[in-house]
Each structure stands twice: as C-alpha cells, then as structure tokens.
Amino acid sequence: MAFELNLTCALLMIGAYLLGSISSAVLVCRALGYEDPRTLGSGNPGATNVWRTSSKHAAAITFVADLLKGTLPVWLALQFGLSLLEAALCGLAAVIGHMLPVFFRFRGGKGVATFLGACLGIDPLLALSQISLWLVTMLTFRRSSVASITCALATPLLCYWQQPELLPVLGLMSLLLIISHRNNIRRLISGSEQRL
C-alpha cells in the first residue's frame, strides 16, 4: 500500500518543526545568566558548546530539553493513532526544526540530542544501542563530533536490524546529522578538532 500523508500527520509534523525550532541552548543560557552560546566557542547552540562555554549544569538541561523535542512529537503521533512511520516523520520534522529553527533565523544546532530523542520515542532499544555506541566512542576518542558521526553512520545499520521499515526516514535523519557536522569533519581531517 502506498504511503499517504494524512492531515493529522501533516499538522503534527508542523507542530514538531515548531517545537524543534525552540532553541533550548539559547533559552537555558539566558535563564541561567550565561552568554548566548551562538556567540561563544563553536557558535553551535547545542549541549556540547554549552558545556564548553557555560557549565555542565546548563549543558545537562539543554541536552534533556533537546532530547524531549524529539521524543514528544513521536509520542504524540502514536497517541493520535498514527503509524510508526508517520511518528518517525514527526521526529524528522523536529530534527529539521532544531537544525533550521524559524524562531532563530534558521541558525540551529546539529540535531544529535533531538535525533536521539526521536529514536527513543520510536524504539527505546534502538535508542539504547545508539546511546551506548555514542558513549563508547566518546570515551575512546574524547570528541563529541566523532561520537555523533559514528552514531549517525551506524544508525541505518541498527535500523535495518531493528526497524527496517523506518530505514528511509532514519537514514535521512542520519544523513542530515552528518551534513551538520561537515565543519567538524574538516577539522578532524586537519587535526584541529577540540577534545571535550
């Protein structure tokens, strides 16, 4: 049966994009009295840059908020009776919102936490596999970018094993994550990428 995007799914995807567009890093840093993370360090409004430029506490809050931006739309889609594929599309919309936020002039983060949050809503076992891989890679190389890129590269394989029908959507999410790390890849090649 051909997939058809229904009205409920379309509306939830729009809502997911708008939710994803809320920059947790910027709002958390403002609330805690830190400078805008877009003006410091790598300029990326994400948990890693907040860790480097503000505090571990602010970074932890940012990470959890970004994670929930991915999980909540997927959960809502499932509560509305949508299929797992439609729920995954809502997760994709949230990731795109995080990367290209309409509320912050389309200058967003790299989407890692939101991506993991979406996968958590889709399949907790898949998310556990991703997070475990991320942690092992992070502890080995001490570079968040290496851990994130490795996780993105491995996700299609994990998806094929655990949720093969979602491979096109999660594969696209993975590709977007790799593209968002293009500057990190250049720095890794040149040997100038920072350790955490």
C-alpha atoms as a PDB file:
ATOM      1  CA  MET A   1       0.000   0.000   0.000  1.00  0.00           C
ATOM      2  CA  ALA A   2       1.397   3.394  -0.941  1.00  0.00           C
ATOM      3  CA  PHE A   3       2.095   5.784   1.903  1.00  0.00           C
ATOM      4  CA  GLU A   4      -0.195   8.809   2.026  1.00  0.00           C
ATOM      5  CA  LEU A   5       0.450  11.747   4.362  1.00  0.00           C
ATOM      6  CA  ASN A   6      -2.819  12.400   6.209  1.00  0.00           C
ATOM      7  CA  LEU A   7      -3.941  15.711   7.698  1.00  0.00           C
ATOM      8  CA  THR A   8      -3.259  14.706  11.295  1.00  0.00           C
ATOM      9  CA  CYS A   9       0.279  13.669  10.446  1.00  0.00           C
ATOM     10  CA  ALA A  10       0.864  16.862   8.464  1.00  0.00           C
ATOM     11  CA  LEU A  11      -0.341  19.058  11.338  1.00  0.00           C
ATOM     12  CA  LEU A  12       1.748  17.157  13.867  1.00  0.00           C
ATOM     13  CA  MET A  13       4.796  17.489  11.626  1.00  0.00           C
ATOM     14  CA  ILE A  14       4.286  21.256  11.507  1.00  0.00           C
ATOM     15  CA  GLY A  15       3.957  21.305  15.290  1.00  0.00           C
ATOM     16  CA  ALA A  16       7.064  19.131  15.612  1.00  0.00           C
ATOM     17  CA  TYR A  17       9.034  21.507  13.410  1.00  0.00           C
ATOM     18  CA  LEU A  18       7.927  24.499  15.505  1.00  0.00           C
ATOM     19  CA  LEU A  19       8.806  22.660  18.729  1.00  0.00           C
ATOM     20  CA  GLY A  20      12.178  21.735  17.276  1.00  0.00           C
ATOM     21  CA  SER A  21      12.711  25.399  16.397  1.00  0.00           C
ATOM     22  CA  ILE A  22      12.767  26.352  20.085  1.00  0.00           C
ATOM     23  CA  SER A  23      16.483  26.684  20.869  1.00  0.00           C
ATOM     24  CA  SER A  24      16.976  25.056  24.257  1.00  0.00           C
ATOM     25  CA  ALA A  25      20.613  26.158  24.447  1.00  0.00           C
ATOM     26  CA  VAL A  26      19.815  29.838  23.934  1.00  0.00           C
ATOM     27  CA  LEU A  27      16.866  29.845  26.351  1.00  0.00           C
ATOM     28  CA  VAL A  28      18.675  27.869  29.057  1.00  0.00           C
ATOM     29  CA  CYS A  29      21.734  30.101  28.908  1.00  0.00           C
ATOM     30  CA  ARG A  30      19.572  33.223  29.072  1.00  0.00           C
ATOM     31  CA  ALA A  31      17.630  31.852  32.040  1.00  0.00           C
ATOM     32  CA  LEU A  32      20.822  30.948  33.934  1.00  0.00           C
ATOM     33  CA  GLY A  33      22.597  34.202  33.159  1.00  0.00           C
ATOM     34  CA  TYR A  34      25.133  32.883  30.658  1.00  0.00           C
ATOM     35  CA  GLU A  35      26.024  34.406  27.321  1.00  0.00           C
ATOM     36  CA  ASP A  36      24.353  33.320  24.108  1.00  0.00           C
ATOM     37  CA  PRO A  37      26.170  30.104  23.057  1.00  0.00           C
ATOM     38  CA  ARG A  38      25.936  31.214  19.429  1.00  0.00           C
ATOM     39  CA  THR A  39      28.482  33.942  20.250  1.00  0.00           C
ATOM     40  CA  LEU A  40      30.967  31.667  22.027  1.00  0.00           C
ATOM     41  CA  GLY A  41      33.117  28.636  21.274  1.00  0.00           C
ATOM     42  CA  SER A  42      31.995  26.852  18.127  1.00  0.00           C
ATOM     43  CA  GLY A  43      28.913  29.064  17.878  1.00  0.00           C
ATOM     44  CA  ASN A  44      26.709  25.993  17.896  1.00  0.00           C
ATOM     45  CA  PRO A  45      23.580  26.203  20.096  1.00  0.00           C
ATOM     46  CA  GLY A  46      23.881  22.682  21.419  1.00  0.00           C
ATOM     47  CA  ALA A  47      24.718  20.896  24.647  1.00  0.00           C
ATOM     48  CA  THR A  48      28.403  20.340  23.821  1.00  0.00           C
ATOM     49  CA  ASN A  49      29.109  24.020  23.190  1.00  0.00           C
ATOM     50  CA  VAL A  50      27.105  24.975  26.280  1.00  0.00           C
ATOM     51  CA  TRP A  51      29.281  22.521  28.255  1.00  0.00           C
ATOM     52  CA  ARG A  52      32.435  24.176  26.951  1.00  0.00           C
ATOM     53  CA  THR A  53      31.323  27.798  27.311  1.00  0.00           C
ATOM     54  CA  SER A  54      28.865  27.871  30.234  1.00  0.00           C
ATOM     55  CA  SER A  55      28.500  24.976  32.690  1.00  0.00           C
ATOM     56  CA  LYS A  56      27.843  21.264  32.939  1.00  0.00           C
ATOM     57  CA  HIS A  57      24.532  22.034  34.643  1.00  0.00           C
ATOM     58  CA  ALA A  58      23.360  24.212  31.750  1.00  0.00           C
ATOM     59  CA  ALA A  59      24.569  21.606  29.255  1.00  0.00           C
ATOM     60  CA  ALA A  60      22.641  18.831  31.014  1.00  0.00           C
ATOM     61  CA  ILE A  61      19.414  20.851  30.960  1.00  0.00           C
ATOM     62  CA  THR A  62      19.989  21.705  27.303  1.00  0.00           C
ATOM     63  CA  PHE A  63      20.570  18.076  26.389  1.00  0.00           C
ATOM     64  CA  VAL A  64      17.418  16.868  28.142  1.00  0.00           C
ATOM     65  CA  ALA A  65      15.315  19.647  26.588  1.00  0.00           C
ATOM     66  CA  ASP A  66      16.666  18.878  23.110  1.00  0.00           C
ATOM     67  CA  LEU A  67      16.074  15.165  23.677  1.00  0.00           C
ATOM     68  CA  LEU A  68      12.445  15.806  24.624  1.00  0.00           C
ATOM     69  CA  LYS A  69      11.949  17.903  21.485  1.00  0.00           C
ATOM     70  CA  GLY A  70      12.464  14.699  19.538  1.00  0.00           C
ATOM     71  CA  THR A  71      10.609  12.326  21.835  1.00  0.00           C
ATOM     72  CA  LEU A  72       7.437  14.349  22.414  1.00  0.00           C
ATOM     73  CA  PRO A  73       6.296  14.650  18.758  1.00  0.00           C
ATOM     74  CA  VAL A  74       6.811  10.922  18.206  1.00  0.00           C
ATOM     75  CA  TRP A  75       4.905  10.083  21.372  1.00  0.00           C
ATOM     76  CA  LEU A  76       2.053  12.435  20.449  1.00  0.00           C
ATOM     77  CA  ALA A  77       1.832  10.953  16.957  1.00  0.00           C
ATOM     78  CA  LEU A  78       1.491   7.469  18.430  1.00  0.00           C
ATOM     79  CA  GLN A  79      -1.131   8.711  20.897  1.00  0.00           C
ATOM     80  CA  PHE A  80      -3.135  10.042  17.947  1.00  0.00           C
ATOM     81  CA  GLY A  81      -3.065   6.567  16.454  1.00  0.00           C
ATOM     82  CA  LEU A  82      -0.588   7.274  13.686  1.00  0.00           C
ATOM     83  CA  SER A  83       1.691   4.565  12.361  1.00  0.00           C
ATOM     84  CA  LEU A  84       5.298   4.203  13.474  1.00  0.00           C
ATOM     85  CA  LEU A  85       6.402   5.537  10.084  1.00  0.00           C
ATOM     86  CA  GLU A  86       4.242   8.646  10.492  1.00  0.00           C
ATOM     87  CA  ALA A  87       5.564   9.095  14.015  1.00  0.00           C
ATOM     88  CA  ALA A  88       9.112   8.858  12.657  1.00  0.00           C
ATOM     89  CA  LEU A  89       8.279  11.616  10.149  1.00  0.00           C
ATOM     90  CA  CYS A  90       7.223  13.799  13.079  1.00  0.00           C
ATOM     91  CA  GLY A  91      10.596  13.070  14.665  1.00  0.00           C
ATOM     92  CA  LEU A  92      12.294  14.056  11.418  1.00  0.00           C
ATOM     93  CA  ALA A  93      10.379  17.348  11.412  1.00  0.00           C
ATOM     94  CA  ALA A  94      11.582  18.067  14.946  1.00  0.00           C
ATOM     95  CA  VAL A  95      15.193  17.393  13.944  1.00  0.00           C
ATOM     96  CA  ILE A  96      14.872  19.734  10.959  1.00  0.00           C
ATOM     97  CA  GLY A  97      13.363  22.360  13.253  1.00  0.00           C
ATOM     98  CA  HIS A  98      16.326  22.065  15.597  1.00  0.00           C
ATOM     99  CA  MET A  99      18.772  22.440  12.722  1.00  0.00           C
ATOM    100  CA  LEU A 100      16.870  25.218  10.927  1.00  0.00           C
ATOM    101  CA  PRO A 101      14.806  26.985  13.606  1.00  0.00           C
ATOM    102  CA  VAL A 102      12.309  29.503  12.281  1.00  0.00           C
ATOM    103  CA  PHE A 103      12.423  31.395  15.603  1.00  0.00           C
ATOM    104  CA  PHE A 104      16.195  31.895  15.489  1.00  0.00           C
ATOM    105  CA  ARG A 105      16.785  32.930  11.870  1.00  0.00           C
ATOM    106  CA  PHE A 106      17.384  29.305  10.831  1.00  0.00           C
ATOM    107  CA  ARG A 107      20.624  29.173  12.811  1.00  0.00           C
ATOM    108  CA  GLY A 108      20.293  25.989  14.808  1.00  0.00           C
ATOM    109  CA  GLY A 109      22.216  23.133  16.310  1.00  0.00           C
ATOM    110  CA  LYS A 110      23.417  19.869  14.867  1.00  0.00           C
ATOM    111  CA  GLY A 111      20.429  17.844  15.979  1.00  0.00           C
ATOM    112  CA  VAL A 112      22.116  14.984  17.809  1.00  0.00           C
ATOM    113  CA  ALA A 113      20.084  15.077  21.036  1.00  0.00           C
ATOM    114  CA  THR A 114      16.821  15.696  19.175  1.00  0.00           C
ATOM    115  CA  PHE A 115      17.645  12.822  16.819  1.00  0.00           C
ATOM    116  CA  LEU A 116      18.304  10.511  19.773  1.00  0.00           C
ATOM    117  CA  GLY A 117      15.080  11.698  21.381  1.00  0.00           C
ATOM    118  CA  ALA A 118      13.098  10.893  18.253  1.00  0.00           C
ATOM    119  CA  CYS A 119      14.644   7.417  18.139  1.00  0.00           C
ATOM    120  CA  LEU A 120      13.841   6.960  21.825  1.00  0.00           C
ATOM    121  CA  GLY A 121      10.178   7.577  21.050  1.00  0.00           C
ATOM    122  CA  ILE A 122      10.289   5.267  18.029  1.00  0.00           C
ATOM    123  CA  ASP A 123      12.130   2.330  19.587  1.00  0.00           C
ATOM    124  CA  PRO A 124      13.813   2.525  23.029  1.00  0.00           C
ATOM    125  CA  LEU A 125      16.049  -0.445  22.174  1.00  0.00           C
ATOM    126  CA  LEU A 126      17.310   1.355  19.070  1.00  0.00           C
ATOM    127  CA  ALA A 127      17.978   4.495  21.110  1.00  0.00           C
ATOM    128  CA  LEU A 128      19.790   2.449  23.770  1.00  0.00           C
ATOM    129  CA  SER A 129      22.031   0.965  21.064  1.00  0.00           C
ATOM    130  CA  GLN A 130      22.764   4.451  19.701  1.00  0.00           C
ATOM    131  CA  ILE A 131      23.481   5.978  23.104  1.00  0.00           C
ATOM    132  CA  SER A 132      25.731   3.060  24.066  1.00  0.00           C
ATOM    133  CA  LEU A 133      27.697   3.454  20.854  1.00  0.00           C
ATOM    134  CA  TRP A 134      27.907   7.225  21.365  1.00  0.00           C
ATOM    135  CA  LEU A 135      29.234   6.802  24.907  1.00  0.00           C
ATOM    136  CA  VAL A 136      31.818   4.180  23.964  1.00  0.00           C
ATOM    137  CA  THR A 137      33.075   6.304  21.069  1.00  0.00           C
ATOM    138  CA  MET A 138      33.092   9.441  23.213  1.00  0.00           C
ATOM    139  CA  LEU A 139      35.070   7.792  25.994  1.00  0.00           C
ATOM    140  CA  THR A 140      37.522   6.387  23.448  1.00  0.00           C
ATOM    141  CA  PHE A 141      38.179   9.499  21.356  1.00  0.00           C
ATOM    142  CA  ARG A 142      37.053  12.313  23.707  1.00  0.00           C
ATOM    143  CA  ARG A 143      35.452  14.145  20.806  1.00  0.00           C
ATOM    144  CA  SER A 144      31.706  14.682  20.716  1.00  0.00           C
ATOM    145  CA  SER A 145      31.759  15.093  16.929  1.00  0.00           C
ATOM    146  CA  VAL A 146      33.388  11.677  16.395  1.00  0.00           C
ATOM    147  CA  ALA A 147      30.821  10.038  18.663  1.00  0.00           C
ATOM    148  CA  SER A 148      27.934  11.779  16.890  1.00  0.00           C
ATOM    149  CA  ILE A 149      29.166  10.989  13.390  1.00  0.00           C
ATOM    150  CA  THR A 150      29.787   7.352  14.351  1.00  0.00           C
ATOM    151  CA  CYS A 151      26.289   7.132  15.788  1.00  0.00           C
ATOM    152  CA  ALA A 152      24.795   8.641  12.627  1.00  0.00           C
ATOM    153  CA  LEU A 153      26.724   6.246  10.388  1.00  0.00           C
ATOM    154  CA  ALA A 154      25.680   3.242  12.469  1.00  0.00           C
ATOM    155  CA  THR A 155      22.002   4.174  12.761  1.00  0.00           C
ATOM    156  CA  PRO A 156      20.933   2.862   9.304  1.00  0.00           C
ATOM    157  CA  LEU A 157      22.511  -0.498  10.158  1.00  0.00           C
ATOM    158  CA  LEU A 158      20.842  -0.583  13.568  1.00  0.00           C
ATOM    159  CA  CYS A 159      17.567   0.465  11.956  1.00  0.00           C
ATOM    160  CA  TYR A 160      17.806  -2.245   9.299  1.00  0.00           C
ATOM    161  CA  TRP A 161      18.279  -4.773  12.084  1.00  0.00           C
ATOM    162  CA  GLN A 162      15.581  -3.472  14.457  1.00  0.00           C
ATOM    163  CA  GLN A 163      13.087  -1.340  12.445  1.00  0.00           C
ATOM    164  CA  PRO A 164      13.722  -1.948   8.717  1.00  0.00           C
ATOM    165  CA  GLU A 165      10.516  -0.222   7.587  1.00  0.00           C
ATOM    166  CA  LEU A 166      11.834   3.043   9.047  1.00  0.00           C
ATOM    167  CA  LEU A 167      15.161   2.909   7.210  1.00  0.00           C
ATOM    168  CA  PRO A 168      14.337   5.712   4.689  1.00  0.00           C
ATOM    169  CA  VAL A 169      13.331   8.171   7.425  1.00  0.00           C
ATOM    170  CA  LEU A 170      16.085   7.327   9.907  1.00  0.00           C
ATOM    171  CA  GLY A 171      18.586   7.130   7.067  1.00  0.00           C
ATOM    172  CA  LEU A 172      17.632  10.691   6.086  1.00  0.00           C
ATOM    173  CA  MET A 173      17.993  11.840   9.692  1.00  0.00           C
ATOM    174  CA  SER A 174      21.442  10.255   9.812  1.00  0.00           C
ATOM    175  CA  LEU A 175      22.445  11.988   6.592  1.00  0.00           C
ATOM    176  CA  LEU A 176      21.298  15.350   7.946  1.00  0.00           C
ATOM    177  CA  LEU A 177      23.374  14.801  11.091  1.00  0.00           C
ATOM    178  CA  ILE A 178      26.479  14.024   9.058  1.00  0.00           C
ATOM    179  CA  ILE A 179      25.931  17.118   6.900  1.00  0.00           C
ATOM    180  CA  SER A 180      25.506  19.237  10.031  1.00  0.00           C
ATOM    181  CA  HIS A 181      28.952  18.034  11.158  1.00  0.00           C
ATOM    182  CA  ARG A 182      30.712  18.962   7.913  1.00  0.00           C
ATOM    183  CA  ASN A 183      32.880  21.605   9.606  1.00  0.00           C
ATOM    184  CA  ASN A 184      33.817  19.128  12.328  1.00  0.00           C
ATOM    185  CA  ILE A 185      34.799  16.618   9.661  1.00  0.00           C
ATOM    186  CA  ARG A 186      37.089  19.230   8.085  1.00  0.00           C
ATOM    187  CA  ARG A 187      38.677  19.931  11.476  1.00  0.00           C
ATOM    188  CA  LEU A 188      39.079  16.211  12.177  1.00  0.00           C
ATOM    189  CA  ILE A 189      40.893  15.800   8.865  1.00  0.00           C
ATOM    190  CA  SER A 190      43.150  18.767   9.636  1.00  0.00           C
ATOM    191  CA  GLY A 191      43.732  17.620  13.211  1.00  0.00           C
ATOM    192  CA  SER A 192      42.302  20.803  14.756  1.00  0.00           C
ATOM    193  CA  GLU A 193      39.109  19.380  16.271  1.00  0.00           C
ATOM    194  CA  GLN A 194      38.827  20.056  20.005  1.00  0.00           C
ATOM    195  CA  ARG A 195      38.601  17.353  22.630  1.00  0.00           C
ATOM    196  CA  LEU A 196      35.869  17.596  25.236  1.00  0.00           C
END
